[in-house]
């Protein structure tokens, strides 16, 4: 993919993410330019990394069933 097309897609993705954020969350990520930086900051701010969350996610994964 050409660099200018990639930059445009990156800009559009970051804009779409920013549109979904509230004002107080947006204040935490306003100076980030790329989608990757934006996503990593949001993960760092809001993703739980403790053992109870991991166990809950594993349980949800093991109980996951496909609908017919």
PDB file of N, CA and C in Angstrom:
ATOM      1  N   UNK A   1       0.844  -1.174   0.000  1.00  0.00           N
ATOM      2  CA  UNK A   1       0.000   0.000   0.000  1.00  0.00           C
ATOM      3  C   UNK A   1       0.890   1.238   0.000  1.00  0.00           C
ATOM      4  N   UNK A   2       0.477   2.223  -0.736  1.00  0.00           N
ATOM      5  CA  UNK A   2       1.248   3.459  -0.813  1.00  0.00           C
ATOM      6  C   UNK A   2       1.193   4.210   0.511  1.00  0.00           C
ATOM      7  N   UNK A   3       2.238   4.951   0.785  1.00  0.00           N
ATOM      8  CA  UNK A   3       2.361   5.640   2.071  1.00  0.00           C
ATOM      9  C   UNK A   3       1.256   6.682   2.270  1.00  0.00           C
ATOM     10  N   UNK A   4       0.905   7.418   1.217  1.00  0.00           N
ATOM     11  CA  UNK A   4      -0.121   8.448   1.385  1.00  0.00           C
ATOM     12  C   UNK A   4      -1.505   7.839   1.626  1.00  0.00           C
ATOM     13  N   UNK A   5      -1.795   6.696   0.988  1.00  0.00           N
ATOM     14  CA  UNK A   5      -3.062   6.021   1.253  1.00  0.00           C
ATOM     15  C   UNK A   5      -3.097   5.469   2.672  1.00  0.00           C
ATOM     16  N   UNK A   6      -1.961   4.932   3.111  1.00  0.00           N
ATOM     17  CA  UNK A   6      -1.881   4.398   4.469  1.00  0.00           C
ATOM     18  C   UNK A   6      -2.099   5.509   5.499  1.00  0.00           C
ATOM     19  N   UNK A   7      -1.491   6.662   5.282  1.00  0.00           N
ATOM     20  CA  UNK A   7      -1.655   7.780   6.204  1.00  0.00           C
ATOM     21  C   UNK A   7      -3.107   8.250   6.256  1.00  0.00           C
ATOM     22  N   UNK A   8      -3.781   8.263   5.101  1.00  0.00           N
ATOM     23  CA  UNK A   8      -5.179   8.668   5.078  1.00  0.00           C
ATOM     24  C   UNK A   8      -6.055   7.667   5.835  1.00  0.00           C
ATOM     25  N   UNK A   9      -5.820   6.364   5.632  1.00  0.00           N
ATOM     26  CA  UNK A   9      -6.583   5.354   6.361  1.00  0.00           C
ATOM     27  C   UNK A   9      -6.326   5.429   7.860  1.00  0.00           C
ATOM     28  N   UNK A  10      -5.077   5.675   8.232  1.00  0.00           N
ATOM     29  CA  UNK A  10      -4.726   5.810   9.639  1.00  0.00           C
ATOM     30  C   UNK A  10      -5.432   7.017  10.249  1.00  0.00           C
ATOM     31  N   UNK A  11      -5.450   8.116   9.522  1.00  0.00           N
ATOM     32  CA  UNK A  11      -6.114   9.324   9.988  1.00  0.00           C
ATOM     33  C   UNK A  11      -7.620   9.099  10.146  1.00  0.00           C
ATOM     34  N   UNK A  12      -8.237   8.407   9.184  1.00  0.00           N
ATOM     35  CA  UNK A  12      -9.675   8.136   9.252  1.00  0.00           C
ATOM     36  C   UNK A  12     -10.017   7.216  10.428  1.00  0.00           C
ATOM     37  N   UNK A  13      -9.188   6.199  10.645  1.00  0.00           N
ATOM     38  CA  UNK A  13      -9.433   5.282  11.757  1.00  0.00           C
ATOM     39  C   UNK A  13      -9.317   6.013  13.092  1.00  0.00           C
ATOM     40  N   UNK A  14      -8.288   6.836  13.239  1.00  0.00           N
ATOM     41  CA  UNK A  14      -8.114   7.603  14.476  1.00  0.00           C
ATOM     42  C   UNK A  14      -9.278   8.570  14.678  1.00  0.00           C
ATOM     43  N   UNK A  15      -9.757   9.170  13.611  1.00  0.00           N
ATOM     44  CA  UNK A  15     -10.901  10.084  13.706  1.00  0.00           C
ATOM     45  C   UNK A  15     -12.157   9.340  14.137  1.00  0.00           C
ATOM     46  N   UNK A  16     -12.371   8.151  13.596  1.00  0.00           N
ATOM     47  CA  UNK A  16     -13.545   7.361  13.965  1.00  0.00           C
ATOM     48  C   UNK A  16     -13.502   6.981  15.444  1.00  0.00           C
ATOM     49  N   UNK A  17     -12.330   6.631  15.948  1.00  0.00           N
ATOM     50  CA  UNK A  17     -12.191   6.299  17.366  1.00  0.00           C
ATOM     51  C   UNK A  17     -12.454   7.526  18.215  1.00  0.00           C
ATOM     52  N   UNK A  18     -11.900   8.660  17.833  1.00  0.00           N
ATOM     53  CA  UNK A  18     -12.086   9.893  18.610  1.00  0.00           C
ATOM     54  C   UNK A  18     -13.547  10.326  18.679  1.00  0.00           C
ATOM     55  N   UNK A  19     -14.310  10.072  17.612  1.00  0.00           N
ATOM     56  CA  UNK A  19     -15.720  10.437  17.607  1.00  0.00           C
ATOM     57  C   UNK A  19     -16.526   9.652  18.641  1.00  0.00           C
ATOM     58  N   UNK A  20     -16.040   8.485  19.022  1.00  0.00           N
ATOM     59  CA  UNK A  20     -16.748   7.636  19.984  1.00  0.00           C
ATOM     60  C   UNK A  20     -16.374   7.935  21.431  1.00  0.00           C
ATOM     61  N   UNK A  21     -15.403   8.791  21.648  1.00  0.00           N
ATOM     62  CA  UNK A  21     -14.916   9.054  23.001  1.00  0.00           C
ATOM     63  C   UNK A  21     -15.645  10.242  23.630  1.00  0.00           C
ATOM     64  N   UNK A  22     -15.784  10.189  24.941  1.00  0.00           N
ATOM     65  CA  UNK A  22     -16.353  11.325  25.658  1.00  0.00           C
ATOM     66  C   UNK A  22     -15.283  12.395  25.834  1.00  0.00           C
ATOM     67  N   UNK A  23     -15.704  13.574  26.271  1.00  0.00           N
ATOM     68  CA  UNK A  23     -14.779  14.701  26.387  1.00  0.00           C
ATOM     69  C   UNK A  23     -13.645  14.436  27.367  1.00  0.00           C
ATOM     70  N   UNK A  24     -13.950  13.820  28.508  1.00  0.00           N
ATOM     71  CA  UNK A  24     -12.892  13.592  29.490  1.00  0.00           C
ATOM     72  C   UNK A  24     -11.904  12.520  29.025  1.00  0.00           C
ATOM     73  N   UNK A  25     -12.357  11.543  28.270  1.00  0.00           N
ATOM     74  CA  UNK A  25     -11.443  10.537  27.719  1.00  0.00           C
ATOM     75  C   UNK A  25     -10.636  11.150  26.582  1.00  0.00           C
ATOM     76  N   UNK A  26     -11.278  11.949  25.781  1.00  0.00           N
ATOM     77  CA  UNK A  26     -10.611  12.609  24.656  1.00  0.00           C
ATOM     78  C   UNK A  26      -9.475  13.499  25.135  1.00  0.00           C
ATOM     79  N   UNK A  27      -9.617  14.088  26.294  1.00  0.00           N
ATOM     80  CA  UNK A  27      -8.556  14.939  26.841  1.00  0.00           C
ATOM     81  C   UNK A  27      -7.288  14.134  27.128  1.00  0.00           C
ATOM     82  N   UNK A  28      -7.432  12.840  27.410  1.00  0.00           N
ATOM     83  CA  UNK A  28      -6.268  11.991  27.694  1.00  0.00           C
ATOM     84  C   UNK A  28      -5.512  11.564  26.443  1.00  0.00           C
ATOM     85  N   UNK A  29      -6.147  11.662  25.282  1.00  0.00           N
ATOM     86  CA  UNK A  29      -5.527  11.161  24.049  1.00  0.00           C
ATOM     87  C   UNK A  29      -5.436  12.217  22.955  1.00  0.00           C
ATOM     88  N   UNK A  30      -5.650  13.473  23.269  1.00  0.00           N
ATOM     89  CA  UNK A  30      -5.729  14.500  22.234  1.00  0.00           C
ATOM     90  C   UNK A  30      -4.408  14.771  21.513  1.00  0.00           C
ATOM     91  N   UNK A  31      -3.282  14.514  22.126  1.00  0.00           N
ATOM     92  CA  UNK A  31      -2.000  14.837  21.496  1.00  0.00           C
ATOM     93  C   UNK A  31      -1.395  13.665  20.729  1.00  0.00           C
ATOM     94  N   UNK A  32      -2.105  12.557  20.604  1.00  0.00           N
ATOM     95  CA  UNK A  32      -1.595  11.395  19.884  1.00  0.00           C
ATOM     96  C   UNK A  32      -2.007  11.475  18.425  1.00  0.00           C
ATOM     97  N   UNK A  33      -1.097  11.099  17.542  1.00  0.00           N
ATOM     98  CA  UNK A  33      -1.381  11.284  16.124  1.00  0.00           C
ATOM     99  C   UNK A  33      -1.789  10.004  15.405  1.00  0.00           C
ATOM    100  N   UNK A  34      -1.187   8.873  15.713  1.00  0.00           N
ATOM    101  CA  UNK A  34      -1.488   7.656  14.962  1.00  0.00           C
ATOM    102  C   UNK A  34      -2.536   6.814  15.680  1.00  0.00           C
ATOM    103  N   UNK A  35      -3.196   5.972  14.918  1.00  0.00           N
ATOM    104  CA  UNK A  35      -4.201   5.080  15.474  1.00  0.00           C
ATOM    105  C   UNK A  35      -3.580   4.105  16.460  1.00  0.00           C
ATOM    106  N   UNK A  36      -2.394   3.633  16.151  1.00  0.00           N
ATOM    107  CA  UNK A  36      -1.711   2.686  17.038  1.00  0.00           C
ATOM    108  C   UNK A  36      -1.429   3.322  18.395  1.00  0.00           C
ATOM    109  N   UNK A  37      -0.901   4.525  18.399  1.00  0.00           N
ATOM    110  CA  UNK A  37      -0.633   5.231  19.655  1.00  0.00           C
ATOM    111  C   UNK A  37      -1.929   5.449  20.437  1.00  0.00           C
ATOM    112  N   UNK A  38      -2.974   5.854  19.730  1.00  0.00           N
ATOM    113  CA  UNK A  38      -4.267   6.115  20.351  1.00  0.00           C
ATOM    114  C   UNK A  38      -4.820   4.855  21.003  1.00  0.00           C
ATOM    115  N   UNK A  39      -4.798   3.751  20.279  1.00  0.00           N
ATOM    116  CA  UNK A  39      -5.328   2.499  20.792  1.00  0.00           C
ATOM    117  C   UNK A  39      -4.516   1.996  21.985  1.00  0.00           C
ATOM    118  N   UNK A  40      -3.195   2.089  21.885  1.00  0.00           N
ATOM    119  CA  UNK A  40      -2.350   1.642  22.990  1.00  0.00           C
ATOM    120  C   UNK A  40      -2.580   2.470  24.249  1.00  0.00           C
ATOM    121  N   UNK A  41      -2.800   3.776  24.112  1.00  0.00           N
ATOM    122  CA  UNK A  41      -3.078   4.620  25.276  1.00  0.00           C
ATOM    123  C   UNK A  41      -4.415   4.247  25.905  1.00  0.00           C
ATOM    124  N   UNK A  42      -5.431   3.999  25.066  1.00  0.00           N
ATOM    125  CA  UNK A  42      -6.729   3.593  25.590  1.00  0.00           C
ATOM    126  C   UNK A  42      -6.639   2.250  26.308  1.00  0.00           C
ATOM    127  N   UNK A  43      -5.876   1.330  25.747  1.00  0.00           N
ATOM    128  CA  UNK A  43      -5.656   0.050  26.430  1.00  0.00           C
ATOM    129  C   UNK A  43      -4.985   0.259  27.769  1.00  0.00           C
ATOM    130  N   UNK A  44      -3.975   1.070  27.800  1.00  0.00           N
ATOM    131  CA  UNK A  44      -3.237   1.323  29.036  1.00  0.00           C
ATOM    132  C   UNK A  44      -4.139   1.960  30.089  1.00  0.00           C
ATOM    133  N   UNK A  45      -5.026   2.849  29.654  1.00  0.00           N
ATOM    134  CA  UNK A  45      -5.900   3.534  30.593  1.00  0.00           C
ATOM    135  C   UNK A  45      -7.015   2.650  31.140  1.00  0.00           C
ATOM    136  N   UNK A  46      -7.573   1.782  30.308  1.00  0.00           N
ATOM    137  CA  UNK A  46      -8.824   1.137  30.680  1.00  0.00           C
ATOM    138  C   UNK A  46      -8.805  -0.383  30.738  1.00  0.00           C
ATOM    139  N   UNK A  47      -7.813  -1.029  30.221  1.00  0.00           N
ATOM    140  CA  UNK A  47      -7.807  -2.487  30.233  1.00  0.00           C
ATOM    141  C   UNK A  47      -7.335  -2.996  31.588  1.00  0.00           C
ATOM    142  N   UNK A  48      -8.122  -3.872  32.162  1.00  0.00           N
ATOM    143  CA  UNK A  48      -7.756  -4.469  33.443  1.00  0.00           C
ATOM    144  C   UNK A  48      -6.722  -5.573  33.196  1.00  0.00           C
ATOM    145  N   UNK A  49      -5.678  -5.566  33.995  1.00  0.00           N
ATOM    146  CA  UNK A  49      -4.623  -6.541  33.820  1.00  0.00           C
ATOM    147  C   UNK A  49      -4.495  -7.483  35.018  1.00  0.00           C
ATOM    148  N   UNK A  50      -5.464  -7.459  35.906  1.00  0.00           N
ATOM    149  CA  UNK A  50      -5.347  -8.304  37.085  1.00  0.00           C
ATOM    150  C   UNK A  50      -5.838  -9.721  36.791  1.00  0.00           C
ATOM    151  N   UNK A  51      -5.550 -10.626  37.691  1.00  0.00           N
ATOM    152  CA  UNK A  51      -5.826 -12.046  37.484  1.00  0.00           C
ATOM    153  C   UNK A  51      -7.324 -12.338  37.438  1.00  0.00           C
ATOM    154  N   UNK A  52      -8.128 -11.609  38.197  1.00  0.00           N
ATOM    155  CA  UNK A  52      -9.569 -11.882  38.192  1.00  0.00           C
ATOM    156  C   UNK A  52     -10.189 -11.597  36.833  1.00  0.00           C
ATOM    157  N   UNK A  53      -9.728 -10.559  36.164  1.00  0.00           N
ATOM    158  CA  UNK A  53     -10.244 -10.252  34.834  1.00  0.00           C
ATOM    159  C   UNK A  53      -9.821 -11.324  33.836  1.00  0.00           C
ATOM    160  N   UNK A  54      -8.590 -11.794  33.929  1.00  0.00           N
ATOM    161  CA  UNK A  54      -8.135 -12.851  33.027  1.00  0.00           C
ATOM    162  C   UNK A  54      -8.948 -14.123  33.221  1.00  0.00           C
ATOM    163  N   UNK A  55      -9.231 -14.476  34.456  1.00  0.00           N
ATOM    164  CA  UNK A  55     -10.030 -15.677  34.724  1.00  0.00           C
ATOM    165  C   UNK A  55     -11.451 -15.516  34.193  1.00  0.00           C
ATOM    166  N   UNK A  56     -12.022 -14.337  34.349  1.00  0.00           N
ATOM    167  CA  UNK A  56     -13.358 -14.082  33.822  1.00  0.00           C
ATOM    168  C   UNK A  56     -13.370 -14.204  32.300  1.00  0.00           C
ATOM    169  N   UNK A  57     -12.382 -13.644  31.638  1.00  0.00           N
ATOM    170  CA  UNK A  57     -12.309 -13.740  30.181  1.00  0.00           C
ATOM    171  C   UNK A  57     -12.130 -15.175  29.723  1.00  0.00           C
ATOM    172  N   UNK A  58     -11.320 -15.958  30.434  1.00  0.00           N
ATOM    173  CA  UNK A  58     -11.145 -17.370  30.080  1.00  0.00           C
ATOM    174  C   UNK A  58     -12.455 -18.127  30.237  1.00  0.00           C
ATOM    175  N   UNK A  59     -13.183 -17.852  31.308  1.00  0.00           N
ATOM    176  CA  UNK A  59     -14.462 -18.520  31.521  1.00  0.00           C
ATOM    177  C   UNK A  59     -15.447 -18.162  30.421  1.00  0.00           C
ATOM    178  N   UNK A  60     -15.503 -16.885  30.055  1.00  0.00           N
ATOM    179  CA  UNK A  60     -16.398 -16.468  28.978  1.00  0.00           C
ATOM    180  C   UNK A  60     -16.004 -17.128  27.658  1.00  0.00           C
ATOM    181  N   UNK A  61     -14.712 -17.266  27.424  1.00  0.00           N
ATOM    182  CA  UNK A  61     -14.239 -17.898  26.191  1.00  0.00           C
ATOM    183  C   UNK A  61     -14.628 -19.365  26.148  1.00  0.00           C
ATOM    184  N   UNK A  62     -14.464 -20.067  27.255  1.00  0.00           N
ATOM    185  CA  UNK A  62     -14.768 -21.497  27.284  1.00  0.00           C
ATOM    186  C   UNK A  62     -16.263 -21.766  27.194  1.00  0.00           C
ATOM    187  N   UNK A  63     -17.081 -20.810  27.614  1.00  0.00           N
ATOM    188  CA  UNK A  63     -18.533 -20.966  27.528  1.00  0.00           C
ATOM    189  C   UNK A  63     -19.104 -20.422  26.235  1.00  0.00           C
ATOM    190  N   UNK A  64     -18.267 -19.963  25.343  1.00  0.00           N
ATOM    191  CA  UNK A  64     -18.709 -19.380  24.086  1.00  0.00           C
ATOM    192  C   UNK A  64     -19.238 -20.471  23.162  1.00  0.00           C
ATOM    193  N   UNK A  65     -20.429 -20.273  22.600  1.00  0.00           N
ATOM    194  CA  UNK A  65     -21.036 -21.236  21.678  1.00  0.00           C
ATOM    195  C   UNK A  65     -21.515 -20.498  20.439  1.00  0.00           C
ATOM    196  N   UNK A  66     -21.406 -21.166  19.301  1.00  0.00           N
ATOM    197  CA  UNK A  66     -21.896 -20.587  18.045  1.00  0.00           C
ATOM    198  C   UNK A  66     -23.387 -20.838  17.900  1.00  0.00           C
ATOM    199  N   UNK A  67     -24.112 -19.856  17.411  1.00  0.00           N
ATOM    200  CA  UNK A  67     -25.519 -20.034  17.094  1.00  0.00           C
ATOM    201  C   UNK A  67     -25.639 -20.730  15.750  1.00  0.00           C
ATOM    202  N   UNK A  68     -26.652 -21.569  15.644  1.00  0.00           N
ATOM    203  CA  UNK A  68     -26.852 -22.276  14.362  1.00  0.00           C
ATOM    204  C   UNK A  68     -27.611 -21.408  13.378  1.00  0.00           C
TER     205      UNK A  68
END
